[in-house]
């Protein structure tokens, strides 16, 4: 699998699956949240060879 597949595709897929359940709980007065964990690489400048990694981490940070 490529870095793009591993670092970006799971976020929207999992959120799409979990968000309706969280919204149902919120209607019942219970709290819910989607927590995204990224890395400092999201705000770093792309060092040679790490451009794709930095771009995928930036996507993760901005997705949330």
PDB file of N, CA and C in Angstrom:
ATOM      1  N   UNK A   1       0.835  -1.181   0.000  1.00  0.00           N
ATOM      2  CA  UNK A   1       0.000   0.000   0.000  1.00  0.00           C
ATOM      3  C   UNK A   1       0.883   1.249   0.000  1.00  0.00           C
ATOM      4  N   UNK A   2       0.398   2.254  -0.618  1.00  0.00           N
ATOM      5  CA  UNK A   2       1.165   3.495  -0.664  1.00  0.00           C
ATOM      6  C   UNK A   2       0.878   4.354   0.561  1.00  0.00           C
ATOM      7  N   UNK A   3       1.707   5.340   0.756  1.00  0.00           N
ATOM      8  CA  UNK A   3       1.545   6.279   1.867  1.00  0.00           C
ATOM      9  C   UNK A   3       0.197   6.988   1.779  1.00  0.00           C
ATOM     10  N   UNK A   4      -0.235   7.300   0.589  1.00  0.00           N
ATOM     11  CA  UNK A   4      -1.515   7.982   0.407  1.00  0.00           C
ATOM     12  C   UNK A   4      -2.665   7.082   0.853  1.00  0.00           C
ATOM     13  N   UNK A   5      -2.640   5.828   0.469  1.00  0.00           N
ATOM     14  CA  UNK A   5      -3.700   4.896   0.858  1.00  0.00           C
ATOM     15  C   UNK A   5      -3.770   4.712   2.365  1.00  0.00           C
ATOM     16  N   UNK A   6      -2.626   4.596   2.994  1.00  0.00           N
ATOM     17  CA  UNK A   6      -2.585   4.329   4.433  1.00  0.00           C
ATOM     18  C   UNK A   6      -2.954   5.564   5.250  1.00  0.00           C
ATOM     19  N   UNK A   7      -2.482   6.748   4.842  1.00  0.00           N
ATOM     20  CA  UNK A   7      -2.638   7.943   5.663  1.00  0.00           C
ATOM     21  C   UNK A   7      -3.877   8.767   5.375  1.00  0.00           C
ATOM     22  N   UNK A   8      -4.546   8.564   4.262  1.00  0.00           N
ATOM     23  CA  UNK A   8      -5.692   9.426   3.958  1.00  0.00           C
ATOM     24  C   UNK A   8      -7.019   8.691   3.841  1.00  0.00           C
ATOM     25  N   UNK A   9      -7.091   7.583   3.189  1.00  0.00           N
ATOM     26  CA  UNK A   9      -8.376   6.938   2.928  1.00  0.00           C
ATOM     27  C   UNK A   9      -9.137   6.503   4.179  1.00  0.00           C
ATOM     28  N   UNK A  10      -8.490   6.024   5.228  1.00  0.00           N
ATOM     29  CA  UNK A  10      -9.266   5.598   6.402  1.00  0.00           C
ATOM     30  C   UNK A  10     -10.052   6.720   7.086  1.00  0.00           C
ATOM     31  N   UNK A  11      -9.555   7.944   7.079  1.00  0.00           N
ATOM     32  CA  UNK A  11     -10.216   9.037   7.807  1.00  0.00           C
ATOM     33  C   UNK A  11     -11.634   9.291   7.322  1.00  0.00           C
ATOM     34  N   UNK A  12     -11.863   9.554   6.047  1.00  0.00           N
ATOM     35  CA  UNK A  12     -13.257   9.797   5.635  1.00  0.00           C
ATOM     36  C   UNK A  12     -14.129   8.549   5.701  1.00  0.00           C
ATOM     37  N   UNK A  13     -13.545   7.382   5.475  1.00  0.00           N
ATOM     38  CA  UNK A  13     -14.337   6.148   5.499  1.00  0.00           C
ATOM     39  C   UNK A  13     -14.825   5.866   6.915  1.00  0.00           C
ATOM     40  N   UNK A  14     -13.928   5.935   7.889  1.00  0.00           N
ATOM     41  CA  UNK A  14     -14.307   5.671   9.272  1.00  0.00           C
ATOM     42  C   UNK A  14     -15.269   6.744   9.779  1.00  0.00           C
ATOM     43  N   UNK A  15     -15.011   8.002   9.431  1.00  0.00           N
ATOM     44  CA  UNK A  15     -15.890   9.086   9.863  1.00  0.00           C
ATOM     45  C   UNK A  15     -17.290   8.896   9.292  1.00  0.00           C
ATOM     46  N   UNK A  16     -17.382   8.502   8.033  1.00  0.00           N
ATOM     47  CA  UNK A  16     -18.688   8.274   7.403  1.00  0.00           C
ATOM     48  C   UNK A  16     -19.443   7.150   8.115  1.00  0.00           C
ATOM     49  N   UNK A  17     -18.724   6.155   8.595  1.00  0.00           N
ATOM     50  CA  UNK A  17     -19.352   5.032   9.283  1.00  0.00           C
ATOM     51  C   UNK A  17     -19.773   5.404  10.707  1.00  0.00           C
ATOM     52  N   UNK A  18     -18.957   6.164  11.417  1.00  0.00           N
ATOM     53  CA  UNK A  18     -19.164   6.444  12.829  1.00  0.00           C
ATOM     54  C   UNK A  18     -20.046   7.673  13.076  1.00  0.00           C
ATOM     55  N   UNK A  19     -19.988   8.671  12.212  1.00  0.00           N
ATOM     56  CA  UNK A  19     -20.687   9.934  12.449  1.00  0.00           C
ATOM     57  C   UNK A  19     -22.197   9.777  12.671  1.00  0.00           C
ATOM     58  N   UNK A  20     -22.912   8.973  11.891  1.00  0.00           N
ATOM     59  CA  UNK A  20     -24.347   8.820  12.158  1.00  0.00           C
ATOM     60  C   UNK A  20     -24.635   8.276  13.564  1.00  0.00           C
ATOM     61  N   UNK A  21     -23.792   7.369  14.042  1.00  0.00           N
ATOM     62  CA  UNK A  21     -23.977   6.813  15.384  1.00  0.00           C
ATOM     63  C   UNK A  21     -23.719   7.879  16.445  1.00  0.00           C
ATOM     64  N   UNK A  22     -22.725   8.720  16.215  1.00  0.00           N
ATOM     65  CA  UNK A  22     -22.434   9.812  17.156  1.00  0.00           C
ATOM     66  C   UNK A  22     -23.593  10.798  17.185  1.00  0.00           C
ATOM     67  N   UNK A  23     -24.140  11.128  16.037  1.00  0.00           N
ATOM     68  CA  UNK A  23     -25.264  12.065  15.974  1.00  0.00           C
ATOM     69  C   UNK A  23     -26.502  11.506  16.680  1.00  0.00           C
ATOM     70  N   UNK A  24     -26.732  10.193  16.568  1.00  0.00           N
ATOM     71  CA  UNK A  24     -27.851   9.568  17.273  1.00  0.00           C
ATOM     72  C   UNK A  24     -27.664   9.677  18.784  1.00  0.00           C
ATOM     73  N   UNK A  25     -26.440   9.449  19.244  1.00  0.00           N
ATOM     74  CA  UNK A  25     -26.149   9.557  20.684  1.00  0.00           C
ATOM     75  C   UNK A  25     -26.343  10.994  21.162  1.00  0.00           C
ATOM     76  N   UNK A  26     -25.948  11.967  20.333  1.00  0.00           N
ATOM     77  CA  UNK A  26     -26.109  13.366  20.723  1.00  0.00           C
ATOM     78  C   UNK A  26     -27.579  13.727  20.899  1.00  0.00           C
ATOM     79  N   UNK A  27     -28.460  13.137  20.095  1.00  0.00           N
ATOM     80  CA  UNK A  27     -29.896  13.395  20.240  1.00  0.00           C
ATOM     81  C   UNK A  27     -30.427  12.865  21.568  1.00  0.00           C
ATOM     82  N   UNK A  28     -29.778  11.837  22.101  1.00  0.00           N
ATOM     83  CA  UNK A  28     -30.191  11.241  23.374  1.00  0.00           C
ATOM     84  C   UNK A  28     -29.524  11.930  24.565  1.00  0.00           C
ATOM     85  N   UNK A  29     -28.778  12.991  24.304  1.00  0.00           N
ATOM     86  CA  UNK A  29     -28.128  13.721  25.384  1.00  0.00           C
ATOM     87  C   UNK A  29     -26.740  13.213  25.746  1.00  0.00           C
ATOM     88  N   UNK A  30     -26.235  12.250  24.990  1.00  0.00           N
ATOM     89  CA  UNK A  30     -24.896  11.727  25.243  1.00  0.00           C
ATOM     90  C   UNK A  30     -23.904  12.421  24.323  1.00  0.00           C
ATOM     91  N   UNK A  31     -22.695  12.527  24.746  1.00  0.00           N
ATOM     92  CA  UNK A  31     -21.661  13.211  23.957  1.00  0.00           C
ATOM     93  C   UNK A  31     -20.888  12.203  23.108  1.00  0.00           C
ATOM     94  N   UNK A  32     -20.404  12.673  21.990  1.00  0.00           N
ATOM     95  CA  UNK A  32     -19.576  11.853  21.121  1.00  0.00           C
ATOM     96  C   UNK A  32     -18.664  12.745  20.303  1.00  0.00           C
ATOM     97  N   UNK A  33     -17.547  12.192  19.851  1.00  0.00           N
ATOM     98  CA  UNK A  33     -16.596  12.978  19.069  1.00  0.00           C
ATOM     99  C   UNK A  33     -15.748  12.052  18.207  1.00  0.00           C
ATOM    100  N   UNK A  34     -15.238  12.610  17.139  1.00  0.00           N
ATOM    101  CA  UNK A  34     -14.256  11.925  16.304  1.00  0.00           C
ATOM    102  C   UNK A  34     -12.918  12.586  16.595  1.00  0.00           C
ATOM    103  N   UNK A  35     -11.962  11.805  17.052  1.00  0.00           N
ATOM    104  CA  UNK A  35     -10.644  12.335  17.392  1.00  0.00           C
ATOM    105  C   UNK A  35      -9.661  11.906  16.320  1.00  0.00           C
ATOM    106  N   UNK A  36      -8.976  12.879  15.763  1.00  0.00           N
ATOM    107  CA  UNK A  36      -7.995  12.617  14.717  1.00  0.00           C
ATOM    108  C   UNK A  36      -6.594  12.788  15.296  1.00  0.00           C
ATOM    109  N   UNK A  37      -5.747  11.804  15.049  1.00  0.00           N
ATOM    110  CA  UNK A  37      -4.367  11.884  15.501  1.00  0.00           C
ATOM    111  C   UNK A  37      -3.487  12.016  14.264  1.00  0.00           C
ATOM    112  N   UNK A  38      -2.698  13.052  14.224  1.00  0.00           N
ATOM    113  CA  UNK A  38      -1.795  13.281  13.110  1.00  0.00           C
ATOM    114  C   UNK A  38      -0.374  13.378  13.664  1.00  0.00           C
ATOM    115  N   UNK A  39       0.463  14.111  13.025  1.00  0.00           N
ATOM    116  CA  UNK A  39       1.827  14.284  13.514  1.00  0.00           C
ATOM    117  C   UNK A  39       2.289  15.702  13.218  1.00  0.00           C
ATOM    118  N   UNK A  40       3.428  16.070  13.777  1.00  0.00           N
ATOM    119  CA  UNK A  40       3.969  17.401  13.511  1.00  0.00           C
ATOM    120  C   UNK A  40       4.361  17.546  12.052  1.00  0.00           C
ATOM    121  N   UNK A  41       4.435  16.443  11.344  1.00  0.00           N
ATOM    122  CA  UNK A  41       4.744  16.489   9.920  1.00  0.00           C
ATOM    123  C   UNK A  41       3.709  17.258   9.118  1.00  0.00           C
ATOM    124  N   UNK A  42       2.513  17.408   9.671  1.00  0.00           N
ATOM    125  CA  UNK A  42       1.457  18.138   8.967  1.00  0.00           C
ATOM    126  C   UNK A  42       1.796  19.602   8.795  1.00  0.00           C
ATOM    127  N   UNK A  43       2.566  20.162   9.729  1.00  0.00           N
ATOM    128  CA  UNK A  43       2.925  21.574   9.653  1.00  0.00           C
ATOM    129  C   UNK A  43       4.370  21.787   9.205  1.00  0.00           C
ATOM    130  N   UNK A  44       5.032  20.732   8.832  1.00  0.00           N
ATOM    131  CA  UNK A  44       6.439  20.840   8.447  1.00  0.00           C
ATOM    132  C   UNK A  44       6.577  21.166   6.964  1.00  0.00           C
ATOM    133  N   UNK A  45       7.700  21.693   6.630  1.00  0.00           N
ATOM    134  CA  UNK A  45       8.011  21.889   5.217  1.00  0.00           C
ATOM    135  C   UNK A  45       8.443  20.554   4.638  1.00  0.00           C
ATOM    136  N   UNK A  46       8.145  20.353   3.389  1.00  0.00           N
ATOM    137  CA  UNK A  46       8.473  19.087   2.743  1.00  0.00           C
ATOM    138  C   UNK A  46       9.970  18.984   2.511  1.00  0.00           C
ATOM    139  N   UNK A  47      10.582  18.070   3.217  1.00  0.00           N
ATOM    140  CA  UNK A  47      11.985  17.767   3.025  1.00  0.00           C
ATOM    141  C   UNK A  47      12.060  16.783   1.868  1.00  0.00           C
ATOM    142  N   UNK A  48      13.139  16.802   1.152  1.00  0.00           N
ATOM    143  CA  UNK A  48      13.271  15.924  -0.005  1.00  0.00           C
ATOM    144  C   UNK A  48      12.968  14.480   0.386  1.00  0.00           C
ATOM    145  N   UNK A  49      12.060  13.887  -0.328  1.00  0.00           N
ATOM    146  CA  UNK A  49      11.677  12.510  -0.079  1.00  0.00           C
ATOM    147  C   UNK A  49      10.495  12.352   0.867  1.00  0.00           C
ATOM    148  N   UNK A  50      10.065  13.424   1.525  1.00  0.00           N
ATOM    149  CA  UNK A  50       8.956  13.330   2.463  1.00  0.00           C
ATOM    150  C   UNK A  50       7.737  14.125   2.022  1.00  0.00           C
ATOM    151  N   UNK A  51       7.721  14.599   0.806  1.00  0.00           N
ATOM    152  CA  UNK A  51       6.629  15.443   0.325  1.00  0.00           C
ATOM    153  C   UNK A  51       5.266  14.787   0.417  1.00  0.00           C
ATOM    154  N   UNK A  52       5.156  13.529   0.027  1.00  0.00           N
ATOM    155  CA  UNK A  52       3.872  12.836   0.052  1.00  0.00           C
ATOM    156  C   UNK A  52       3.428  12.609   1.493  1.00  0.00           C
ATOM    157  N   UNK A  53       4.362  12.228   2.361  1.00  0.00           N
ATOM    158  CA  UNK A  53       4.037  12.022   3.768  1.00  0.00           C
ATOM    159  C   UNK A  53       3.503  13.308   4.390  1.00  0.00           C
ATOM    160  N   UNK A  54       4.197  14.417   4.170  1.00  0.00           N
ATOM    161  CA  UNK A  54       3.775  15.705   4.721  1.00  0.00           C
ATOM    162  C   UNK A  54       2.405  16.090   4.169  1.00  0.00           C
ATOM    163  N   UNK A  55       2.162  15.863   2.897  1.00  0.00           N
ATOM    164  CA  UNK A  55       0.872  16.196   2.289  1.00  0.00           C
ATOM    165  C   UNK A  55      -0.260  15.355   2.886  1.00  0.00           C
ATOM    166  N   UNK A  56      -0.016  14.069   3.121  1.00  0.00           N
ATOM    167  CA  UNK A  56      -1.070  13.222   3.695  1.00  0.00           C
ATOM    168  C   UNK A  56      -1.358  13.611   5.136  1.00  0.00           C
ATOM    169  N   UNK A  57      -0.342  13.975   5.890  1.00  0.00           N
ATOM    170  CA  UNK A  57      -0.552  14.403   7.276  1.00  0.00           C
ATOM    171  C   UNK A  57      -1.264  15.765   7.318  1.00  0.00           C
ATOM    172  N   UNK A  58      -0.971  16.625   6.378  1.00  0.00           N
ATOM    173  CA  UNK A  58      -1.682  17.906   6.292  1.00  0.00           C
ATOM    174  C   UNK A  58      -3.164  17.660   5.987  1.00  0.00           C
ATOM    175  N   UNK A  59      -3.459  16.707   5.133  1.00  0.00           N
ATOM    176  CA  UNK A  59      -4.854  16.341   4.851  1.00  0.00           C
ATOM    177  C   UNK A  59      -5.548  15.889   6.135  1.00  0.00           C
ATOM    178  N   UNK A  60      -4.880  15.021   6.893  1.00  0.00           N
ATOM    179  CA  UNK A  60      -5.472  14.515   8.138  1.00  0.00           C
ATOM    180  C   UNK A  60      -5.769  15.645   9.113  1.00  0.00           C
ATOM    181  N   UNK A  61      -4.859  16.583   9.238  1.00  0.00           N
ATOM    182  CA  UNK A  61      -5.036  17.695  10.155  1.00  0.00           C
ATOM    183  C   UNK A  61      -6.209  18.580   9.723  1.00  0.00           C
ATOM    184  N   UNK A  62      -6.301  18.863   8.463  1.00  0.00           N
ATOM    185  CA  UNK A  62      -7.356  19.751   7.960  1.00  0.00           C
ATOM    186  C   UNK A  62      -8.697  19.057   7.814  1.00  0.00           C
ATOM    187  N   UNK A  63      -8.696  17.740   7.692  1.00  0.00           N
ATOM    188  CA  UNK A  63      -9.949  16.981   7.604  1.00  0.00           C
ATOM    189  C   UNK A  63     -10.761  17.113   8.885  1.00  0.00           C
ATOM    190  N   UNK A  64     -10.073  17.142   9.988  1.00  0.00           N
ATOM    191  CA  UNK A  64     -10.772  17.245  11.267  1.00  0.00           C
ATOM    192  C   UNK A  64     -11.104  18.665  11.507  1.00  0.00           C
TER     193      UNK A  64
END
